[in-house]
């Protein structure tokens, strides 16, 4: 099954698929998901980040290193 999801901050729909019982995002050419740093504790909702197009003439935010991202699934 494939699912198209679009959060309010996304430029376009993201493609997600169930693989081995888990919902995972499929990379789409000319897009990148940008993440905020993880919140200080579990009291905050998980943040899926923003899916942005990279083929536009707009400035892209700085990517948060993987070690500083929230590892909880937002979906």
C-alpha atoms as a PDB file:
ATOM      1  CA  UNK A   1       0.000   0.000   0.000  1.00  0.00           C
ATOM      2  CA  UNK A   2       1.213   3.514  -0.792  1.00  0.00           C
ATOM      3  CA  UNK A   3       0.027   6.586   1.078  1.00  0.00           C
ATOM      4  CA  UNK A   4       0.445  10.251   0.149  1.00  0.00           C
ATOM      5  CA  UNK A   5       0.731  12.509   3.206  1.00  0.00           C
ATOM      6  CA  UNK A   6       1.089  16.268   3.336  1.00  0.00           C
ATOM      7  CA  UNK A   7       1.620  18.202   6.550  1.00  0.00           C
ATOM      8  CA  UNK A   8       0.771  21.896   6.763  1.00  0.00           C
ATOM      9  CA  UNK A   9       4.459  22.890   6.426  1.00  0.00           C
ATOM     10  CA  UNK A  10       5.237  20.632   3.435  1.00  0.00           C
ATOM     11  CA  UNK A  11       5.753  21.936  -0.118  1.00  0.00           C
ATOM     12  CA  UNK A  12       4.323  18.751  -1.624  1.00  0.00           C
ATOM     13  CA  UNK A  13       2.896  15.352  -0.740  1.00  0.00           C
ATOM     14  CA  UNK A  14       5.293  12.765   0.655  1.00  0.00           C
ATOM     15  CA  UNK A  15       5.141   9.155  -0.509  1.00  0.00           C
ATOM     16  CA  UNK A  16       4.933   6.594   2.287  1.00  0.00           C
ATOM     17  CA  UNK A  17       4.745   2.788   2.075  1.00  0.00           C
ATOM     18  CA  UNK A  18       4.317  -0.077   4.491  1.00  0.00           C
ATOM     19  CA  UNK A  19       7.526  -2.109   4.548  1.00  0.00           C
ATOM     20  CA  UNK A  20       7.805  -5.048   6.958  1.00  0.00           C
ATOM     21  CA  UNK A  21       4.832  -3.730   8.925  1.00  0.00           C
ATOM     22  CA  UNK A  22       6.214  -0.197   9.344  1.00  0.00           C
ATOM     23  CA  UNK A  23       5.205   3.023   7.599  1.00  0.00           C
ATOM     24  CA  UNK A  24       8.350   4.460   5.971  1.00  0.00           C
ATOM     25  CA  UNK A  25       8.882   7.452   3.716  1.00  0.00           C
ATOM     26  CA  UNK A  26      10.046   6.841   0.147  1.00  0.00           C
ATOM     27  CA  UNK A  27      12.537   9.374  -1.183  1.00  0.00           C
ATOM     28  CA  UNK A  28      11.145  11.515  -4.001  1.00  0.00           C
ATOM     29  CA  UNK A  29      13.641  13.124  -6.412  1.00  0.00           C
ATOM     30  CA  UNK A  30      14.193  16.869  -5.891  1.00  0.00           C
ATOM     31  CA  UNK A  31      12.738  16.840  -2.366  1.00  0.00           C
ATOM     32  CA  UNK A  32      14.279  16.653   1.087  1.00  0.00           C
ATOM     33  CA  UNK A  33      12.784  16.406   4.560  1.00  0.00           C
ATOM     34  CA  UNK A  34      14.219  19.005   6.932  1.00  0.00           C
ATOM     35  CA  UNK A  35      14.051  18.364  10.681  1.00  0.00           C
ATOM     36  CA  UNK A  36      14.053  20.588  13.736  1.00  0.00           C
ATOM     37  CA  UNK A  37      16.214  19.622  16.734  1.00  0.00           C
ATOM     38  CA  UNK A  38      14.545  17.174  19.123  1.00  0.00           C
ATOM     39  CA  UNK A  39      12.481  18.705  21.940  1.00  0.00           C
ATOM     40  CA  UNK A  40      13.984  18.758  25.440  1.00  0.00           C
ATOM     41  CA  UNK A  41      11.670  15.998  26.739  1.00  0.00           C
ATOM     42  CA  UNK A  42       8.799  13.634  25.846  1.00  0.00           C
ATOM     43  CA  UNK A  43       6.144  16.210  26.835  1.00  0.00           C
ATOM     44  CA  UNK A  44       6.265  17.589  23.282  1.00  0.00           C
ATOM     45  CA  UNK A  45       4.572  16.016  20.248  1.00  0.00           C
ATOM     46  CA  UNK A  46       6.877  14.314  17.700  1.00  0.00           C
ATOM     47  CA  UNK A  47       7.620  16.586  14.730  1.00  0.00           C
ATOM     48  CA  UNK A  48       7.755  15.011  11.241  1.00  0.00           C
ATOM     49  CA  UNK A  49       9.840  17.870   9.844  1.00  0.00           C
ATOM     50  CA  UNK A  50       9.105  19.649   6.564  1.00  0.00           C
ATOM     51  CA  UNK A  51       9.206  18.083   3.112  1.00  0.00           C
ATOM     52  CA  UNK A  52      10.585  20.784   0.834  1.00  0.00           C
ATOM     53  CA  UNK A  53      11.281  20.901  -2.876  1.00  0.00           C
ATOM     54  CA  UNK A  54      14.951  21.416  -3.676  1.00  0.00           C
ATOM     55  CA  UNK A  55      14.450  22.398  -7.332  1.00  0.00           C
ATOM     56  CA  UNK A  56      13.033  25.857  -6.556  1.00  0.00           C
ATOM     57  CA  UNK A  57      14.949  29.121  -6.303  1.00  0.00           C
ATOM     58  CA  UNK A  58      14.183  29.493  -2.601  1.00  0.00           C
ATOM     59  CA  UNK A  59      16.549  29.317   0.351  1.00  0.00           C
ATOM     60  CA  UNK A  60      16.395  26.021   2.233  1.00  0.00           C
ATOM     61  CA  UNK A  61      16.750  25.789   6.022  1.00  0.00           C
ATOM     62  CA  UNK A  62      19.839  24.308   7.605  1.00  0.00           C
ATOM     63  CA  UNK A  63      19.482  20.548   8.119  1.00  0.00           C
ATOM     64  CA  UNK A  64      19.646  19.321  11.715  1.00  0.00           C
ATOM     65  CA  UNK A  65      22.274  16.572  12.158  1.00  0.00           C
ATOM     66  CA  UNK A  66      20.713  13.104  12.590  1.00  0.00           C
ATOM     67  CA  UNK A  67      22.057  12.789  16.137  1.00  0.00           C
ATOM     68  CA  UNK A  68      20.019  15.848  17.224  1.00  0.00           C
ATOM     69  CA  UNK A  69      16.693  14.837  15.586  1.00  0.00           C
ATOM     70  CA  UNK A  70      13.631  13.415  17.332  1.00  0.00           C
ATOM     71  CA  UNK A  71      13.626   9.657  16.677  1.00  0.00           C
ATOM     72  CA  UNK A  72       9.955   9.140  17.640  1.00  0.00           C
ATOM     73  CA  UNK A  73       7.530   8.408  14.794  1.00  0.00           C
ATOM     74  CA  UNK A  74       4.999  11.211  14.252  1.00  0.00           C
ATOM     75  CA  UNK A  75       2.570   8.929  12.397  1.00  0.00           C
END
